Amino acid sequence: MPASRKKATAGPAAKSAARNYRDILYEARDQVAWVTINRPRVLNAFREQTLDEMTDALKATREDPTIVCAVVTGAGDKAFSAGGDFYAMKRLNFTNAGMWNDRMLGLAMTIRGLPIPVIAMVNGWCMGGGHELALWCDLVIASENAVLGQTGAKVGACPTVGATQYLPRLVGERLAREMIFCARRFGAKEAAEIGLINKCVPQKDLRAETLKWCETMKGHSALTLRMTKRSLNFESDNLYASWQHGMELLAHVWGSEEAREGMNAFLAGRPANFQKFRQRARRELDEYLRGLERNLNEPPAMRKKAKQS
């Protein structure tokens, strides 16, 4: 029986598990909640419905106090998540940006606000918004075939939904800027070495090792886990203003010519041509500067008087 269609047996907690989802799989088994992005054909890229379903599933863990932790992962062995689905993001603009941005922020705050630890179990590609999803989680374990990184600069999107806030704290300012400005990627082994993830394991051992972590936490105090998660989040919770600021910056990027060029180029399998925007900006600036020399920043009547005198 598919995990997303598991039937309830008895009691309110069991009934809460009977959820039907289209983009994800959800299952609570042996005190662990499993949330799996089930879009392997697009490398588990997420769209609006995916974000809504993930938020709903994770919030459902509050209805069962026997759940010790949650695991977020992606279906198949090729990707945890390649980030936002470009066919969804190409539809965004400044007018409707909040519809997407609020969902991203809502999922992030749901993960951070849960009273249980959330583990990202990463297999394959973990890029862009998919990497930010892993950043929101408390712990990250990855298989040796995992690749993690930020691609926003290559496709015309701002990684302001966690990457700009958390990467400097995890790997340091210099490396964080390199990851974002240069779209640098890390294999799982190196990611563990720099502190980007907790652990790298052979692909065949990924689930078993994740379950070991879950089993360990089963023997720990639920109240202590809840309180210590709140305490661990305290400093970074103060970054909420930065999240809001980042959402507004991102809203201006959605629907821009550069964003459309980056996404269209990616989907077409060609390099993006961002130079044309720089050249156009140069022409516009040159025209502005020539206007200063000709006093075009002065009212027309005053310009005429200056010529007559």
C-alpha atoms as a PDB file:
ATOM      1  CA  MET A   1       0.000   0.000   0.000  1.00  0.00           C
ATOM      2  CA  PRO A   2       1.482   3.428  -0.908  1.00  0.00           C
ATOM      3  CA  ALA A   3       2.640   5.342   2.129  1.00  0.00           C
ATOM      4  CA  SER A   4       0.507   8.362   1.248  1.00  0.00           C
ATOM      5  CA  ARG A   5      -2.633   6.201   1.265  1.00  0.00           C
ATOM      6  CA  LYS A   6      -2.050   4.341   4.498  1.00  0.00           C
ATOM      7  CA  LYS A   7      -5.345   3.663   6.283  1.00  0.00           C
ATOM      8  CA  ALA A   8      -6.005   4.800   9.812  1.00  0.00           C
ATOM      9  CA  THR A   9      -6.565   2.113  12.404  1.00  0.00           C
ATOM     10  CA  ALA A  10      -7.940   3.841  15.479  1.00  0.00           C
ATOM     11  CA  GLY A  11      -7.746   7.026  17.491  1.00  0.00           C
ATOM     12  CA  PRO A  12      -7.153  10.643  16.409  1.00  0.00           C
ATOM     13  CA  ALA A  13      -3.419  10.127  15.876  1.00  0.00           C
ATOM     14  CA  ALA A  14      -4.070   7.265  13.460  1.00  0.00           C
ATOM     15  CA  LYS A  15      -6.717   9.262  11.641  1.00  0.00           C
ATOM     16  CA  SER A  16      -4.257  12.112  11.120  1.00  0.00           C
ATOM     17  CA  ALA A  17      -1.988   9.737   9.174  1.00  0.00           C
ATOM     18  CA  ALA A  18      -4.691   9.007   6.590  1.00  0.00           C
ATOM     19  CA  ARG A  19      -3.719  11.780   4.208  1.00  0.00           C
ATOM     20  CA  ASN A  20      -3.809  11.594   0.441  1.00  0.00           C
ATOM     21  CA  TYR A  21      -1.055  13.498  -1.327  1.00  0.00           C
ATOM     22  CA  ARG A  22      -0.125  13.826  -4.967  1.00  0.00           C
ATOM     23  CA  ASP A  23       3.434  15.160  -4.839  1.00  0.00           C
ATOM     24  CA  ILE A  24       4.750  13.524  -1.683  1.00  0.00           C
ATOM     25  CA  LEU A  25       4.573  10.311   0.298  1.00  0.00           C
ATOM     26  CA  TYR A  26       3.907  10.449   4.026  1.00  0.00           C
ATOM     27  CA  GLU A  27       4.204   7.642   6.496  1.00  0.00           C
ATOM     28  CA  ALA A  28       4.560   7.432  10.256  1.00  0.00           C
ATOM     29  CA  ARG A  29       6.240   4.158  11.135  1.00  0.00           C
ATOM     30  CA  ASP A  30       7.980   3.008  14.311  1.00  0.00           C
ATOM     31  CA  GLN A  31       7.781   6.521  15.795  1.00  0.00           C
ATOM     32  CA  VAL A  32       9.436   8.123  12.776  1.00  0.00           C
ATOM     33  CA  ALA A  33       7.594  10.346  10.278  1.00  0.00           C
ATOM     34  CA  TRP A  34       8.834   9.962   6.700  1.00  0.00           C
ATOM     35  CA  VAL A  35       8.145  12.786   4.229  1.00  0.00           C
ATOM     36  CA  THR A  36       9.311  11.941   0.706  1.00  0.00           C
ATOM     37  CA  ILE A  37       9.157  14.260  -2.292  1.00  0.00           C
ATOM     38  CA  ASN A  38       7.718  11.929  -4.920  1.00  0.00           C
ATOM     39  CA  ARG A  39       8.560  13.651  -8.213  1.00  0.00           C
ATOM     40  CA  PRO A  40      11.580  11.646  -9.417  1.00  0.00           C
ATOM     41  CA  ARG A  41      10.895  12.429 -13.098  1.00  0.00           C
ATOM     42  CA  VAL A  42      11.903  16.043 -12.398  1.00  0.00           C
ATOM     43  CA  LEU A  43      14.629  15.155  -9.870  1.00  0.00           C
ATOM     44  CA  ASN A  44      12.150  15.853  -7.058  1.00  0.00           C
ATOM     45  CA  ALA A  45      11.923  19.524  -7.945  1.00  0.00           C
ATOM     46  CA  PHE A  46       9.067  21.083  -6.016  1.00  0.00           C
ATOM     47  CA  ARG A  47       6.120  23.237  -7.071  1.00  0.00           C
ATOM     48  CA  GLU A  48       3.493  25.044  -5.022  1.00  0.00           C
ATOM     49  CA  GLN A  49       1.484  21.892  -4.350  1.00  0.00           C
ATOM     50  CA  THR A  50       4.605  20.069  -3.152  1.00  0.00           C
ATOM     51  CA  LEU A  51       5.387  22.784  -0.630  1.00  0.00           C
ATOM     52  CA  ASP A  52       1.793  22.812   0.636  1.00  0.00           C
ATOM     53  CA  GLU A  53       1.761  19.041   1.061  1.00  0.00           C
ATOM     54  CA  MET A  54       5.112  18.929   2.846  1.00  0.00           C
ATOM     55  CA  THR A  55       3.974  21.610   5.276  1.00  0.00           C
ATOM     56  CA  ASP A  56       0.735  19.755   5.957  1.00  0.00           C
ATOM     57  CA  ALA A  57       2.480  16.418   6.484  1.00  0.00           C
ATOM     58  CA  LEU A  58       5.094  17.816   8.844  1.00  0.00           C
ATOM     59  CA  LYS A  59       2.492  19.677  10.876  1.00  0.00           C
ATOM     60  CA  ALA A  60       0.607  16.372  11.204  1.00  0.00           C
ATOM     61  CA  THR A  61       3.420  15.083  13.415  1.00  0.00           C
ATOM     62  CA  ARG A  62       2.122  17.370  16.164  1.00  0.00           C
ATOM     63  CA  GLU A  63      -0.999  15.200  16.343  1.00  0.00           C
ATOM     64  CA  ASP A  64       1.001  12.164  17.428  1.00  0.00           C
ATOM     65  CA  PRO A  65       3.258  12.768  20.454  1.00  0.00           C
ATOM     66  CA  THR A  66       4.824   9.319  20.051  1.00  0.00           C
ATOM     67  CA  ILE A  67       6.673  10.488  16.920  1.00  0.00           C
ATOM     68  CA  VAL A  68      10.309  10.996  17.881  1.00  0.00           C
ATOM     69  CA  CYS A  69      11.670  12.627  14.729  1.00  0.00           C
ATOM     70  CA  ALA A  70      10.896  13.322  11.082  1.00  0.00           C
ATOM     71  CA  VAL A  71      12.937  12.414   8.004  1.00  0.00           C
ATOM     72  CA  VAL A  72      12.697  14.446   4.804  1.00  0.00           C
ATOM     73  CA  THR A  73      14.008  12.825   1.630  1.00  0.00           C
ATOM     74  CA  GLY A  74      13.451  12.424  -2.108  1.00  0.00           C
ATOM     75  CA  ALA A  75      12.158   9.446  -4.076  1.00  0.00           C
ATOM     76  CA  GLY A  76      14.602   7.395  -6.133  1.00  0.00           C
ATOM     77  CA  ASP A  77      18.380   7.442  -6.031  1.00  0.00           C
ATOM     78  CA  LYS A  78      19.131  10.414  -8.303  1.00  0.00           C
ATOM     79  CA  ALA A  79      18.028  13.401  -6.239  1.00  0.00           C
ATOM     80  CA  PHE A  80      17.024  14.624  -2.820  1.00  0.00           C
ATOM     81  CA  SER A  81      15.655  17.697  -4.606  1.00  0.00           C
ATOM     82  CA  ALA A  82      16.905  19.766  -7.514  1.00  0.00           C
ATOM     83  CA  GLY A  83      15.090  22.788  -6.050  1.00  0.00           C
ATOM     84  CA  GLY A  84      12.134  24.688  -7.424  1.00  0.00           C
ATOM     85  CA  ASP A  85      10.480  23.388 -10.580  1.00  0.00           C
ATOM     86  CA  PHE A  86      11.324  25.917 -13.297  1.00  0.00           C
ATOM     87  CA  TYR A  87       7.940  25.420 -14.965  1.00  0.00           C
ATOM     88  CA  ALA A  88       6.396  26.678 -11.734  1.00  0.00           C
ATOM     89  CA  MET A  89       8.919  29.456 -11.106  1.00  0.00           C
ATOM     90  CA  LYS A  90       8.708  30.797 -14.678  1.00  0.00           C
ATOM     91  CA  ARG A  91       5.111  31.781 -13.904  1.00  0.00           C
ATOM     92  CA  LEU A  92       6.161  34.015 -11.022  1.00  0.00           C
ATOM     93  CA  ASN A  93       6.398  37.802 -11.069  1.00  0.00           C
ATOM     94  CA  PHE A  94       6.327  40.643  -8.575  1.00  0.00           C
ATOM     95  CA  THR A  95       2.512  40.517  -8.382  1.00  0.00           C
ATOM     96  CA  ASN A  96       2.210  36.850  -7.444  1.00  0.00           C
ATOM     97  CA  ALA A  97       5.640  36.343  -5.834  1.00  0.00           C
ATOM     98  CA  GLY A  98       4.170  36.104  -2.352  1.00  0.00           C
ATOM     99  CA  MET A  99       2.232  32.992  -3.345  1.00  0.00           C
ATOM    100  CA  TRP A 100       5.529  31.123  -3.776  1.00  0.00           C
ATOM    101  CA  ASN A 101       7.702  32.941  -1.262  1.00  0.00           C
ATOM    102  CA  ASP A 102       5.210  32.561   1.582  1.00  0.00           C
ATOM    103  CA  ARG A 103       5.019  28.834   0.940  1.00  0.00           C
ATOM    104  CA  MET A 104       8.801  28.491   1.085  1.00  0.00           C
ATOM    105  CA  LEU A 105       9.013  30.518   4.271  1.00  0.00           C
ATOM    106  CA  GLY A 106       6.053  28.630   5.740  1.00  0.00           C
ATOM    107  CA  LEU A 107       7.693  25.248   5.158  1.00  0.00           C
ATOM    108  CA  ALA A 108      10.976  26.502   6.608  1.00  0.00           C
ATOM    109  CA  MET A 109       9.269  27.807   9.733  1.00  0.00           C
ATOM    110  CA  THR A 110       7.275  24.574  10.078  1.00  0.00           C
ATOM    111  CA  ILE A 111      10.481  22.516  10.088  1.00  0.00           C
ATOM    112  CA  ARG A 112      12.212  24.834  12.513  1.00  0.00           C
ATOM    113  CA  GLY A 113       9.148  25.123  14.724  1.00  0.00           C
ATOM    114  CA  LEU A 114       8.447  21.406  15.149  1.00  0.00           C
ATOM    115  CA  PRO A 115       9.144  20.121  18.670  1.00  0.00           C
ATOM    116  CA  ILE A 116      11.043  17.145  17.199  1.00  0.00           C
ATOM    117  CA  PRO A 117      14.325  16.950  15.277  1.00  0.00           C
ATOM    118  CA  VAL A 118      14.015  16.879  11.484  1.00  0.00           C
ATOM    119  CA  ILE A 119      16.614  14.928   9.503  1.00  0.00           C
ATOM    120  CA  ALA A 120      17.391  15.515   5.824  1.00  0.00           C
ATOM    121  CA  MET A 121      18.338  12.195   4.219  1.00  0.00           C
ATOM    122  CA  VAL A 122      20.129  13.286   1.056  1.00  0.00           C
ATOM    123  CA  ASN A 123      20.668  11.063  -1.954  1.00  0.00           C
ATOM    124  CA  GLY A 124      21.991  12.469  -5.251  1.00  0.00           C
ATOM    125  CA  TRP A 125      21.366  16.071  -6.297  1.00  0.00           C
ATOM    126  CA  CYS A 126      20.651  18.574  -3.533  1.00  0.00           C
ATOM    127  CA  MET A 127      20.728  21.900  -5.315  1.00  0.00           C
ATOM    128  CA  GLY A 128      19.320  25.414  -5.062  1.00  0.00           C
ATOM    129  CA  GLY A 129      16.040  25.430  -3.162  1.00  0.00           C
ATOM    130  CA  GLY A 130      16.525  21.725  -2.480  1.00  0.00           C
ATOM    131  CA  HIS A 131      19.745  22.557  -0.678  1.00  0.00           C
ATOM    132  CA  GLU A 132      17.952  25.271   1.275  1.00  0.00           C
ATOM    133  CA  LEU A 133      15.397  22.639   2.301  1.00  0.00           C
ATOM    134  CA  ALA A 134      18.273  20.606   3.756  1.00  0.00           C
ATOM    135  CA  LEU A 135      19.594  23.722   5.502  1.00  0.00           C
ATOM    136  CA  TRP A 136      16.270  24.155   7.309  1.00  0.00           C
ATOM    137  CA  CYS A 137      16.556  20.684   8.821  1.00  0.00           C
ATOM    138  CA  ASP A 138      18.287  19.994  12.135  1.00  0.00           C
ATOM    139  CA  LEU A 139      20.546  17.212  10.865  1.00  0.00           C
ATOM    140  CA  VAL A 140      21.768  16.201   7.415  1.00  0.00           C
ATOM    141  CA  ILE A 141      23.076  12.785   6.414  1.00  0.00           C
ATOM    142  CA  ALA A 142      24.063  12.155   2.805  1.00  0.00           C
ATOM    143  CA  SER A 143      25.132   9.284   0.598  1.00  0.00           C
ATOM    144  CA  GLU A 144      28.444   9.339  -1.240  1.00  0.00           C
ATOM    145  CA  ASN A 145      26.705  10.184  -4.525  1.00  0.00           C
ATOM    146  CA  ALA A 146      25.172  13.380  -3.109  1.00  0.00           C
ATOM    147  CA  VAL A 147      26.075  16.773  -4.581  1.00  0.00           C
ATOM    148  CA  LEU A 148      25.144  19.915  -2.663  1.00  0.00           C
ATOM    149  CA  GLY A 149      25.237  23.523  -3.791  1.00  0.00           C
ATOM    150  CA  GLN A 150      23.582  26.785  -4.713  1.00  0.00           C
ATOM    151  CA  THR A 151      22.794  27.458  -8.382  1.00  0.00           C
ATOM    152  CA  GLY A 152      20.811  30.699  -8.123  1.00  0.00           C
ATOM    153  CA  ALA A 153      23.491  32.873  -9.735  1.00  0.00           C
ATOM    154  CA  LYS A 154      23.501  30.608 -12.814  1.00  0.00           C
ATOM    155  CA  VAL A 155      19.756  30.658 -13.366  1.00  0.00           C
ATOM    156  CA  GLY A 156      18.680  34.088 -12.137  1.00  0.00           C
ATOM    157  CA  ALA A 157      17.255  33.322  -8.688  1.00  0.00           C
ATOM    158  CA  CYS A 158      18.251  34.567  -5.224  1.00  0.00           C
ATOM    159  CA  PRO A 159      19.059  31.964  -2.533  1.00  0.00           C
ATOM    160  CA  THR A 160      17.603  34.187   0.186  1.00  0.00           C
ATOM    161  CA  VAL A 161      15.352  31.519   1.735  1.00  0.00           C
ATOM    162  CA  GLY A 162      17.986  30.186   4.098  1.00  0.00           C
ATOM    163  CA  ALA A 163      21.259  30.010   2.186  1.00  0.00           C
ATOM    164  CA  THR A 164      22.290  33.623   2.737  1.00  0.00           C
ATOM    165  CA  GLN A 165      21.277  33.338   6.387  1.00  0.00           C
ATOM    166  CA  TYR A 166      22.671  29.931   7.378  1.00  0.00           C
ATOM    167  CA  LEU A 167      25.610  29.159   5.099  1.00  0.00           C
ATOM    168  CA  PRO A 168      27.917  31.770   6.686  1.00  0.00           C
ATOM    169  CA  ARG A 169      27.192  30.239  10.094  1.00  0.00           C
ATOM    170  CA  LEU A 170      27.830  26.693   8.911  1.00  0.00           C
ATOM    171  CA  VAL A 171      30.868  27.023   6.646  1.00  0.00           C
ATOM    172  CA  GLY A 172      32.100  30.577   7.250  1.00  0.00           C
ATOM    173  CA  GLU A 173      31.629  33.833   5.346  1.00  0.00           C
ATOM    174  CA  ARG A 174      34.273  33.270   2.668  1.00  0.00           C
ATOM    175  CA  LEU A 175      33.170  29.818   1.648  1.00  0.00           C
ATOM    176  CA  ALA A 176      29.493  30.812   1.810  1.00  0.00           C
ATOM    177  CA  ARG A 177      30.109  33.660  -0.625  1.00  0.00           C
ATOM    178  CA  GLU A 178      32.036  31.333  -2.909  1.00  0.00           C
ATOM    179  CA  MET A 179      29.173  28.853  -2.872  1.00  0.00           C
ATOM    180  CA  ILE A 180      26.640  31.542  -3.748  1.00  0.00           C
ATOM    181  CA  PHE A 181      28.581  33.856  -6.097  1.00  0.00           C
ATOM    182  CA  CYS A 182      30.432  31.074  -7.954  1.00  0.00           C
ATOM    183  CA  ALA A 183      27.717  28.398  -7.643  1.00  0.00           C
ATOM    184  CA  ARG A 184      30.304  26.052  -6.154  1.00  0.00           C
ATOM    185  CA  ARG A 185      29.185  22.491  -5.559  1.00  0.00           C
ATOM    186  CA  PHE A 186      30.382  20.021  -2.956  1.00  0.00           C
ATOM    187  CA  GLY A 187      30.357  16.252  -2.981  1.00  0.00           C
ATOM    188  CA  ALA A 188      29.058  14.687   0.210  1.00  0.00           C
ATOM    189  CA  LYS A 189      32.500  13.721   1.537  1.00  0.00           C
ATOM    190  CA  GLU A 190      33.842  17.269   1.255  1.00  0.00           C
ATOM    191  CA  ALA A 191      30.530  18.670   2.520  1.00  0.00           C
ATOM    192  CA  ALA A 192      30.991  16.669   5.725  1.00  0.00           C
ATOM    193  CA  GLU A 193      34.571  17.891   6.064  1.00  0.00           C
ATOM    194  CA  ILE A 194      33.570  21.571   5.925  1.00  0.00           C
ATOM    195  CA  GLY A 195      30.562  21.162   8.228  1.00  0.00           C
ATOM    196  CA  LEU A 196      27.888  21.615   5.565  1.00  0.00           C
ATOM    197  CA  ILE A 197      26.382  18.237   6.505  1.00  0.00           C
ATOM    198  CA  ASN A 198      26.757  15.935   9.505  1.00  0.00           C
ATOM    199  CA  LYS A 199      27.807  12.693   7.867  1.00  0.00           C
ATOM    200  CA  CYS A 200      28.573  10.999   4.542  1.00  0.00           C
ATOM    201  CA  VAL A 201      27.918   7.264   4.170  1.00  0.00           C
ATOM    202  CA  PRO A 202      27.906   4.723   1.331  1.00  0.00           C
ATOM    203  CA  GLN A 203      24.701   4.908  -0.671  1.00  0.00           C
ATOM    204  CA  LYS A 204      23.663   1.392   0.345  1.00  0.00           C
ATOM    205  CA  ASP A 205      23.904   2.345   4.027  1.00  0.00           C
ATOM    206  CA  LEU A 206      22.036   5.669   3.883  1.00  0.00           C
ATOM    207  CA  ARG A 207      18.660   4.529   5.200  1.00  0.00           C
ATOM    208  CA  ALA A 208      20.155   2.185   7.785  1.00  0.00           C
ATOM    209  CA  GLU A 209      22.416   4.919   9.162  1.00  0.00           C
ATOM    210  CA  THR A 210      19.514   7.360   9.271  1.00  0.00           C
ATOM    211  CA  LEU A 211      17.483   4.818  11.219  1.00  0.00           C
ATOM    212  CA  LYS A 212      20.355   4.507  13.720  1.00  0.00           C
ATOM    213  CA  TRP A 213      20.024   8.218  14.460  1.00  0.00           C
ATOM    214  CA  CYS A 214      16.272   7.797  14.888  1.00  0.00           C
ATOM    215  CA  GLU A 215      16.759   4.826  17.209  1.00  0.00           C
ATOM    216  CA  THR A 216      19.231   6.805  19.295  1.00  0.00           C
ATOM    217  CA  MET A 217      16.747   9.634  19.791  1.00  0.00           C
ATOM    218  CA  LYS A 218      13.994   7.202  20.783  1.00  0.00           C
ATOM    219  CA  GLY A 219      15.911   6.631  23.994  1.00  0.00           C
ATOM    220  CA  HIS A 220      16.119  10.347  24.757  1.00  0.00           C
ATOM    221  CA  SER A 221      13.739  12.640  26.617  1.00  0.00           C
ATOM    222  CA  ALA A 222      11.110  14.156  24.319  1.00  0.00           C
ATOM    223  CA  LEU A 223      10.819  17.205  26.572  1.00  0.00           C
ATOM    224  CA  THR A 224      14.568  17.733  26.513  1.00  0.00           C
ATOM    225  CA  LEU A 225      14.726  17.426  22.723  1.00  0.00           C
ATOM    226  CA  ARG A 226      11.933  19.971  22.408  1.00  0.00           C
ATOM    227  CA  MET A 227      13.502  22.477  24.793  1.00  0.00           C
ATOM    228  CA  THR A 228      17.009  22.122  23.410  1.00  0.00           C
ATOM    229  CA  LYS A 229      15.804  22.563  19.832  1.00  0.00           C
ATOM    230  CA  ARG A 230      14.210  25.844  20.880  1.00  0.00           C
ATOM    231  CA  SER A 231      17.437  26.900  22.558  1.00  0.00           C
ATOM    232  CA  LEU A 232      19.587  25.897  19.569  1.00  0.00           C
ATOM    233  CA  ASN A 233      17.298  27.922  17.287  1.00  0.00           C
ATOM    234  CA  PHE A 234      17.387  31.032  19.464  1.00  0.00           C
ATOM    235  CA  GLU A 235      20.184  32.942  17.727  1.00  0.00           C
ATOM    236  CA  SER A 236      19.153  32.052  14.177  1.00  0.00           C
ATOM    237  CA  ASP A 237      15.486  32.761  14.989  1.00  0.00           C
ATOM    238  CA  ASN A 238      16.612  36.372  15.299  1.00  0.00           C
ATOM    239  CA  LEU A 239      17.316  36.229  11.565  1.00  0.00           C
ATOM    240  CA  TYR A 240      13.593  36.258  10.784  1.00  0.00           C
ATOM    241  CA  ALA A 241      13.857  39.879   9.669  1.00  0.00           C
ATOM    242  CA  SER A 242      16.520  38.780   7.200  1.00  0.00           C
ATOM    243  CA  TRP A 243      14.132  36.132   5.841  1.00  0.00           C
ATOM    244  CA  GLN A 244      11.456  38.779   5.276  1.00  0.00           C
ATOM    245  CA  HIS A 245      13.989  41.046   3.617  1.00  0.00           C
ATOM    246  CA  GLY A 246      15.136  38.147   1.449  1.00  0.00           C
ATOM    247  CA  MET A 247      11.569  37.389   0.375  1.00  0.00           C
ATOM    248  CA  GLU A 248      11.140  40.974  -0.839  1.00  0.00           C
ATOM    249  CA  LEU A 249      14.419  40.836  -2.759  1.00  0.00           C
ATOM    250  CA  LEU A 250      13.360  37.556  -4.329  1.00  0.00           C
ATOM    251  CA  ALA A 251       9.987  39.017  -5.283  1.00  0.00           C
ATOM    252  CA  HIS A 252      11.783  41.572  -7.452  1.00  0.00           C
ATOM    253  CA  VAL A 253      13.783  38.833  -9.169  1.00  0.00           C
ATOM    254  CA  TRP A 254      10.818  36.623 -10.107  1.00  0.00           C
ATOM    255  CA  GLY A 255       9.596  37.464 -13.596  1.00  0.00           C
ATOM    256  CA  SER A 256      12.626  39.613 -14.422  1.00  0.00           C
ATOM    257  CA  GLU A 257      14.261  39.295 -17.832  1.00  0.00           C
ATOM    258  CA  GLU A 258      17.361  37.809 -16.248  1.00  0.00           C
ATOM    259  CA  ALA A 259      15.351  35.189 -14.363  1.00  0.00           C
ATOM    260  CA  ARG A 260      13.495  34.226 -17.538  1.00  0.00           C
ATOM    261  CA  GLU A 261      16.747  33.993 -19.485  1.00  0.00           C
ATOM    262  CA  GLY A 262      18.390  31.835 -16.824  1.00  0.00           C
ATOM    263  CA  MET A 263      15.502  29.400 -16.518  1.00  0.00           C
ATOM    264  CA  ASN A 264      14.829  29.180 -20.257  1.00  0.00           C
ATOM    265  CA  ALA A 265      18.518  28.530 -20.899  1.00  0.00           C
ATOM    266  CA  PHE A 266      18.598  25.768 -18.306  1.00  0.00           C
ATOM    267  CA  LEU A 267      15.531  24.074 -19.753  1.00  0.00           C
ATOM    268  CA  ALA A 268      16.962  24.378 -23.283  1.00  0.00           C
ATOM    269  CA  GLY A 269      20.322  22.992 -22.208  1.00  0.00           C
ATOM    270  CA  ARG A 270      22.286  26.062 -23.303  1.00  0.00           C
ATOM    271  CA  PRO A 271      24.455  28.601 -21.448  1.00  0.00           C
ATOM    272  CA  ALA A 272      22.532  31.615 -20.213  1.00  0.00           C
ATOM    273  CA  ASN A 273      23.412  34.927 -21.868  1.00  0.00           C
ATOM    274  CA  PHE A 274      23.499  37.405 -19.005  1.00  0.00           C
ATOM    275  CA  GLN A 275      26.039  39.632 -20.780  1.00  0.00           C
ATOM    276  CA  LYS A 276      23.346  41.228 -22.915  1.00  0.00           C
ATOM    277  CA  PHE A 277      21.788  42.686 -19.779  1.00  0.00           C
ATOM    278  CA  ARG A 278      25.113  44.115 -18.640  1.00  0.00           C
ATOM    279  CA  GLN A 279      25.691  45.669 -22.080  1.00  0.00           C
ATOM    280  CA  ARG A 280      22.204  47.174 -22.112  1.00  0.00           C
ATOM    281  CA  ALA A 281      22.767  48.593 -18.642  1.00  0.00           C
ATOM    282  CA  ARG A 282      26.047  50.114 -19.870  1.00  0.00           C
ATOM    283  CA  ARG A 283      24.260  51.845 -22.777  1.00  0.00           C
ATOM    284  CA  GLU A 284      21.565  53.172 -20.465  1.00  0.00           C
ATOM    285  CA  LEU A 285      24.134  54.487 -17.997  1.00  0.00           C
ATOM    286  CA  ASP A 286      26.133  56.159 -20.784  1.00  0.00           C
ATOM    287  CA  GLU A 287      22.979  57.901 -21.936  1.00  0.00           C
ATOM    288  CA  TYR A 288      22.306  59.069 -18.393  1.00  0.00           C
ATOM    289  CA  LEU A 289      25.830  60.471 -18.034  1.00  0.00           C
ATOM    290  CA  ARG A 290      25.577  62.309 -21.363  1.00  0.00           C
ATOM    291  CA  GLY A 291      22.374  63.839 -20.068  1.00  0.00           C
ATOM    292  CA  LEU A 292      24.250  65.207 -17.067  1.00  0.00           C
ATOM    293  CA  GLU A 293      26.789  66.855 -19.356  1.00  0.00           C
ATOM    294  CA  ARG A 294      23.942  68.466 -21.345  1.00  0.00           C
ATOM    295  CA  ASN A 295      22.111  69.611 -18.181  1.00  0.00           C
ATOM    296  CA  LEU A 296      19.117  67.426 -18.971  1.00  0.00           C
ATOM    297  CA  ASN A 297      18.579  67.139 -15.212  1.00  0.00           C
ATOM    298  CA  GLU A 298      17.443  70.767 -15.181  1.00  0.00           C
ATOM    299  CA  PRO A 299      13.940  72.079 -15.958  1.00  0.00           C
ATOM    300  CA  PRO A 300      13.608  72.956 -19.692  1.00  0.00           C
ATOM    301  CA  ALA A 301      12.907  76.657 -18.972  1.00  0.00           C
ATOM    302  CA  MET A 302      16.164  77.005 -17.048  1.00  0.00           C
ATOM    303  CA  ARG A 303      18.075  75.265 -19.841  1.00  0.00           C
ATOM    304  CA  LYS A 304      16.804  77.837 -22.314  1.00  0.00           C
ATOM    305  CA  LYS A 305      17.842  80.739 -20.084  1.00  0.00           C
ATOM    306  CA  ALA A 306      21.309  79.239 -19.691  1.00  0.00           C
ATOM    307  CA  LYS A 307      21.689  79.075 -23.501  1.00  0.00           C
ATOM    308  CA  GLN A 308      20.488  82.637 -23.995  1.00  0.00           C
ATOM    309  CA  SER A 309      22.900  84.043 -21.424  1.00  0.00           C
END
